[in-house]
């Protein structure tokens, strides 16, 4: 579980960094990368909660 928490935190920091890079530089490629990475953040978050629920059921 600790691995997933660290992974979620890294995804979140990366998305925030890319959004800041977009605001600073104005290049839309950073915003596209942030959007794609945000999709993976949502998937990882859902997987984290599924594992948490499965852990409680077992």
PDB file of N, CA and C in Angstrom:
ATOM      1  N   UNK A   1       0.812  -1.190   0.000  1.00  0.00           N
ATOM      2  CA  UNK A   1       0.000   0.000   0.000  1.00  0.00           C
ATOM      3  C   UNK A   1       0.862   1.264   0.000  1.00  0.00           C
ATOM      4  N   UNK A   2       2.007   1.182   0.654  1.00  0.00           N
ATOM      5  CA  UNK A   2       2.879   2.354   0.712  1.00  0.00           C
ATOM      6  C   UNK A   2       3.387   2.718  -0.683  1.00  0.00           C
ATOM      7  N   UNK A   3       3.594   1.703  -1.506  1.00  0.00           N
ATOM      8  CA  UNK A   3       4.066   1.956  -2.872  1.00  0.00           C
ATOM      9  C   UNK A   3       3.022   2.745  -3.652  1.00  0.00           C
ATOM     10  N   UNK A   4       1.760   2.385  -3.508  1.00  0.00           N
ATOM     11  CA  UNK A   4       0.701   3.099  -4.211  1.00  0.00           C
ATOM     12  C   UNK A   4       0.544   4.531  -3.705  1.00  0.00           C
ATOM     13  N   UNK A   5       0.730   4.733  -2.415  1.00  0.00           N
ATOM     14  CA  UNK A   5       0.654   6.096  -1.869  1.00  0.00           C
ATOM     15  C   UNK A   5       1.761   6.971  -2.432  1.00  0.00           C
ATOM     16  N   UNK A   6       2.963   6.413  -2.498  1.00  0.00           N
ATOM     17  CA  UNK A   6       4.091   7.160  -3.064  1.00  0.00           C
ATOM     18  C   UNK A   6       3.853   7.421  -4.549  1.00  0.00           C
ATOM     19  N   UNK A   7       3.328   6.436  -5.257  1.00  0.00           N
ATOM     20  CA  UNK A   7       3.031   6.588  -6.680  1.00  0.00           C
ATOM     21  C   UNK A   7       1.996   7.683  -6.912  1.00  0.00           C
ATOM     22  N   UNK A   8       0.946   7.700  -6.114  1.00  0.00           N
ATOM     23  CA  UNK A   8      -0.076   8.739  -6.238  1.00  0.00           C
ATOM     24  C   UNK A   8       0.492  10.116  -5.947  1.00  0.00           C
ATOM     25  N   UNK A   9       1.334  10.200  -4.936  1.00  0.00           N
ATOM     26  CA  UNK A   9       1.951  11.475  -4.595  1.00  0.00           C
ATOM     27  C   UNK A   9       2.859  11.964  -5.723  1.00  0.00           C
ATOM     28  N   UNK A  10       3.634  11.051  -6.309  1.00  0.00           N
ATOM     29  CA  UNK A  10       4.503  11.427  -7.429  1.00  0.00           C
ATOM     30  C   UNK A  10       3.692  11.891  -8.637  1.00  0.00           C
ATOM     31  N   UNK A  11       2.605  11.189  -8.941  1.00  0.00           N
ATOM     32  CA  UNK A  11       1.733  11.609 -10.039  1.00  0.00           C
ATOM     33  C   UNK A  11       1.178  13.007  -9.783  1.00  0.00           C
ATOM     34  N   UNK A  12       0.740  13.247  -8.558  1.00  0.00           N
ATOM     35  CA  UNK A  12       0.156  14.538  -8.224  1.00  0.00           C
ATOM     36  C   UNK A  12       1.181  15.667  -8.342  1.00  0.00           C
ATOM     37  N   UNK A  13       2.383  15.427  -7.854  1.00  0.00           N
ATOM     38  CA  UNK A  13       3.446  16.437  -7.951  1.00  0.00           C
ATOM     39  C   UNK A  13       3.799  16.696  -9.413  1.00  0.00           C
ATOM     40  N   UNK A  14       3.850  15.639 -10.212  1.00  0.00           N
ATOM     41  CA  UNK A  14       4.181  15.803 -11.629  1.00  0.00           C
ATOM     42  C   UNK A  14       3.106  16.598 -12.370  1.00  0.00           C
ATOM     43  N   UNK A  15       1.842  16.314 -12.094  1.00  0.00           N
ATOM     44  CA  UNK A  15       0.751  17.050 -12.747  1.00  0.00           C
ATOM     45  C   UNK A  15       0.810  18.525 -12.356  1.00  0.00           C
ATOM     46  N   UNK A  16       1.007  18.795 -11.074  1.00  0.00           N
ATOM     47  CA  UNK A  16       1.098  20.189 -10.632  1.00  0.00           C
ATOM     48  C   UNK A  16       2.297  20.892 -11.264  1.00  0.00           C
ATOM     49  N   UNK A  17       3.417  20.203 -11.352  1.00  0.00           N
ATOM     50  CA  UNK A  17       4.601  20.781 -11.981  1.00  0.00           C
ATOM     51  C   UNK A  17       4.381  21.088 -13.452  1.00  0.00           C
ATOM     52  N   UNK A  18       3.684  20.199 -14.147  1.00  0.00           N
ATOM     53  CA  UNK A  18       3.412  20.436 -15.565  1.00  0.00           C
ATOM     54  C   UNK A  18       2.438  21.592 -15.771  1.00  0.00           C
ATOM     55  N   UNK A  19       1.464  21.723 -14.896  1.00  0.00           N
ATOM     56  CA  UNK A  19       0.535  22.850 -15.004  1.00  0.00           C
ATOM     57  C   UNK A  19       1.272  24.167 -14.739  1.00  0.00           C
ATOM     58  N   UNK A  20       2.157  24.168 -13.748  1.00  0.00           N
ATOM     59  CA  UNK A  20       2.962  25.365 -13.481  1.00  0.00           C
ATOM     60  C   UNK A  20       3.854  25.673 -14.683  1.00  0.00           C
ATOM     61  N   UNK A  21       4.444  24.645 -15.288  1.00  0.00           N
ATOM     62  CA  UNK A  21       5.287  24.848 -16.471  1.00  0.00           C
ATOM     63  C   UNK A  21       4.468  25.456 -17.608  1.00  0.00           C
ATOM     64  N   UNK A  22       3.210  25.038 -17.738  1.00  0.00           N
ATOM     65  CA  UNK A  22       2.349  25.618 -18.761  1.00  0.00           C
ATOM     66  C   UNK A  22       2.105  27.105 -18.477  1.00  0.00           C
ATOM     67  N   UNK A  23       1.820  27.434 -17.220  1.00  0.00           N
ATOM     68  CA  UNK A  23       1.562  28.835 -16.876  1.00  0.00           C
ATOM     69  C   UNK A  23       2.797  29.710 -17.071  1.00  0.00           C
ATOM     70  N   UNK A  24       3.967  29.166 -16.767  1.00  0.00           N
ATOM     71  CA  UNK A  24       5.197  29.939 -16.879  1.00  0.00           C
ATOM     72  C   UNK A  24       5.615  30.105 -18.329  1.00  0.00           C
ATOM     73  N   UNK A  25       5.608  29.001 -19.088  1.00  0.00           N
ATOM     74  CA  UNK A  25       6.143  29.034 -20.450  1.00  0.00           C
ATOM     75  C   UNK A  25       5.083  29.242 -21.528  1.00  0.00           C
ATOM     76  N   UNK A  26       3.844  28.916 -21.221  1.00  0.00           N
ATOM     77  CA  UNK A  26       2.770  29.116 -22.178  1.00  0.00           C
ATOM     78  C   UNK A  26       2.712  28.091 -23.300  1.00  0.00           C
ATOM     79  N   UNK A  27       3.493  27.024 -23.196  1.00  0.00           N
ATOM     80  CA  UNK A  27       3.509  25.982 -24.235  1.00  0.00           C
ATOM     81  C   UNK A  27       2.440  24.939 -23.899  1.00  0.00           C
ATOM     82  N   UNK A  28       1.527  24.708 -24.836  1.00  0.00           N
ATOM     83  CA  UNK A  28       0.393  23.822 -24.568  1.00  0.00           C
ATOM     84  C   UNK A  28       0.796  22.359 -24.432  1.00  0.00           C
ATOM     85  N   UNK A  29       2.012  21.998 -24.853  1.00  0.00           N
ATOM     86  CA  UNK A  29       2.420  20.597 -24.730  1.00  0.00           C
ATOM     87  C   UNK A  29       2.490  20.187 -23.258  1.00  0.00           C
ATOM     88  N   UNK A  30       2.829  21.121 -22.369  1.00  0.00           N
ATOM     89  CA  UNK A  30       2.866  20.802 -20.944  1.00  0.00           C
ATOM     90  C   UNK A  30       1.465  20.534 -20.404  1.00  0.00           C
ATOM     91  N   UNK A  31       0.495  21.268 -20.921  1.00  0.00           N
ATOM     92  CA  UNK A  31      -0.883  21.048 -20.496  1.00  0.00           C
ATOM     93  C   UNK A  31      -1.399  19.697 -21.003  1.00  0.00           C
ATOM     94  N   UNK A  32      -1.016  19.313 -22.224  1.00  0.00           N
ATOM     95  CA  UNK A  32      -1.396  17.990 -22.744  1.00  0.00           C
ATOM     96  C   UNK A  32      -0.775  16.885 -21.912  1.00  0.00           C
ATOM     97  N   UNK A  33       0.499  17.037 -21.570  1.00  0.00           N
ATOM     98  CA  UNK A  33       1.160  16.036 -20.725  1.00  0.00           C
ATOM     99  C   UNK A  33       0.485  15.955 -19.360  1.00  0.00           C
ATOM    100  N   UNK A  34       0.113  17.111 -18.817  1.00  0.00           N
ATOM    101  CA  UNK A  34      -0.566  17.123 -17.520  1.00  0.00           C
ATOM    102  C   UNK A  34      -1.907  16.399 -17.613  1.00  0.00           C
ATOM    103  N   UNK A  35      -2.627  16.591 -18.713  1.00  0.00           N
ATOM    104  CA  UNK A  35      -3.906  15.900 -18.891  1.00  0.00           C
ATOM    105  C   UNK A  35      -3.746  14.398 -18.993  1.00  0.00           C
ATOM    106  N   UNK A  36      -2.754  13.960 -19.742  1.00  0.00           N
ATOM    107  CA  UNK A  36      -2.511  12.519 -19.859  1.00  0.00           C
ATOM    108  C   UNK A  36      -2.065  11.923 -18.531  1.00  0.00           C
ATOM    109  N   UNK A  37      -1.212  12.639 -17.839  1.00  0.00           N
ATOM    110  CA  UNK A  37      -0.742  12.153 -16.551  1.00  0.00           C
ATOM    111  C   UNK A  37      -1.870  12.168 -15.521  1.00  0.00           C
ATOM    112  N   UNK A  38      -2.776  13.137 -15.634  1.00  0.00           N
ATOM    113  CA  UNK A  38      -3.925  13.181 -14.727  1.00  0.00           C
ATOM    114  C   UNK A  38      -4.823  11.963 -14.943  1.00  0.00           C
ATOM    115  N   UNK A  39      -4.963  11.523 -16.196  1.00  0.00           N
ATOM    116  CA  UNK A  39      -5.748  10.313 -16.466  1.00  0.00           C
ATOM    117  C   UNK A  39      -5.131   9.114 -15.753  1.00  0.00           C
ATOM    118  N   UNK A  40      -3.804   8.997 -15.808  1.00  0.00           N
ATOM    119  CA  UNK A  40      -3.133   7.905 -15.119  1.00  0.00           C
ATOM    120  C   UNK A  40      -3.247   8.059 -13.603  1.00  0.00           C
ATOM    121  N   UNK A  41      -3.298   9.293 -13.126  1.00  0.00           N
ATOM    122  CA  UNK A  41      -3.483   9.536 -11.703  1.00  0.00           C
ATOM    123  C   UNK A  41      -4.848   9.023 -11.250  1.00  0.00           C
ATOM    124  N   UNK A  42      -5.859   9.256 -12.050  1.00  0.00           N
ATOM    125  CA  UNK A  42      -7.206   8.772 -11.718  1.00  0.00           C
ATOM    126  C   UNK A  42      -7.231   7.246 -11.707  1.00  0.00           C
ATOM    127  N   UNK A  43      -6.602   6.627 -12.702  1.00  0.00           N
ATOM    128  CA  UNK A  43      -6.553   5.155 -12.763  1.00  0.00           C
ATOM    129  C   UNK A  43      -5.820   4.595 -11.544  1.00  0.00           C
ATOM    130  N   UNK A  44      -4.683   5.191 -11.199  1.00  0.00           N
ATOM    131  CA  UNK A  44      -3.918   4.728 -10.041  1.00  0.00           C
ATOM    132  C   UNK A  44      -4.710   4.935  -8.750  1.00  0.00           C
ATOM    133  N   UNK A  45      -5.434   6.045  -8.657  1.00  0.00           N
ATOM    134  CA  UNK A  45      -6.265   6.291  -7.477  1.00  0.00           C
ATOM    135  C   UNK A  45      -7.385   5.269  -7.337  1.00  0.00           C
ATOM    136  N   UNK A  46      -8.026   4.954  -8.438  1.00  0.00           N
ATOM    137  CA  UNK A  46      -9.079   3.935  -8.398  1.00  0.00           C
ATOM    138  C   UNK A  46      -8.518   2.574  -8.018  1.00  0.00           C
ATOM    139  N   UNK A  47      -7.364   2.237  -8.559  1.00  0.00           N
ATOM    140  CA  UNK A  47      -6.724   0.980  -8.206  1.00  0.00           C
ATOM    141  C   UNK A  47      -6.374   0.944  -6.719  1.00  0.00           C
ATOM    142  N   UNK A  48      -5.910   2.060  -6.195  1.00  0.00           N
ATOM    143  CA  UNK A  48      -5.588   2.155  -4.773  1.00  0.00           C
ATOM    144  C   UNK A  48      -6.822   1.880  -3.922  1.00  0.00           C
ATOM    145  N   UNK A  49      -7.948   2.497  -4.275  1.00  0.00           N
ATOM    146  CA  UNK A  49      -9.158   2.295  -3.481  1.00  0.00           C
ATOM    147  C   UNK A  49      -9.724   0.889  -3.640  1.00  0.00           C
ATOM    148  N   UNK A  50      -9.589   0.309  -4.828  1.00  0.00           N
ATOM    149  CA  UNK A  50     -10.033  -1.079  -5.023  1.00  0.00           C
ATOM    150  C   UNK A  50      -9.216  -2.017  -4.144  1.00  0.00           C
ATOM    151  N   UNK A  51      -7.907  -1.804  -4.113  1.00  0.00           N
ATOM    152  CA  UNK A  51      -7.062  -2.642  -3.263  1.00  0.00           C
ATOM    153  C   UNK A  51      -7.358  -2.428  -1.784  1.00  0.00           C
ATOM    154  N   UNK A  52      -7.659  -1.195  -1.407  1.00  0.00           N
ATOM    155  CA  UNK A  52      -7.985  -0.917  -0.020  1.00  0.00           C
ATOM    156  C   UNK A  52      -9.284  -1.629   0.386  1.00  0.00           C
ATOM    157  N   UNK A  53     -10.278  -1.594  -0.497  1.00  0.00           N
ATOM    158  CA  UNK A  53     -11.552  -2.269  -0.208  1.00  0.00           C
ATOM    159  C   UNK A  53     -11.360  -3.783  -0.177  1.00  0.00           C
ATOM    160  N   UNK A  54     -10.583  -4.307  -1.138  1.00  0.00           N
ATOM    161  CA  UNK A  54     -10.327  -5.747  -1.173  1.00  0.00           C
ATOM    162  C   UNK A  54      -9.559  -6.195   0.065  1.00  0.00           C
ATOM    163  N   UNK A  55      -8.659  -5.383   0.548  1.00  0.00           N
ATOM    164  CA  UNK A  55      -7.906  -5.723   1.746  1.00  0.00           C
ATOM    165  C   UNK A  55      -8.815  -5.824   2.960  1.00  0.00           C
ATOM    166  N   UNK A  56      -9.800  -4.977   3.030  1.00  0.00           N
ATOM    167  CA  UNK A  56     -10.725  -5.012   4.172  1.00  0.00           C
ATOM    168  C   UNK A  56     -11.674  -6.200   4.082  1.00  0.00           C
ATOM    169  N   UNK A  57     -11.976  -6.656   2.862  1.00  0.00           N
ATOM    170  CA  UNK A  57     -12.894  -7.784   2.700  1.00  0.00           C
ATOM    171  C   UNK A  57     -12.221  -9.115   3.054  1.00  0.00           C
ATOM    172  N   UNK A  58     -10.918  -9.167   2.886  1.00  0.00           N
ATOM    173  CA  UNK A  58     -10.215 -10.438   3.108  1.00  0.00           C
ATOM    174  C   UNK A  58      -9.841 -10.604   4.530  1.00  0.00           C
TER     175      UNK A  58
END
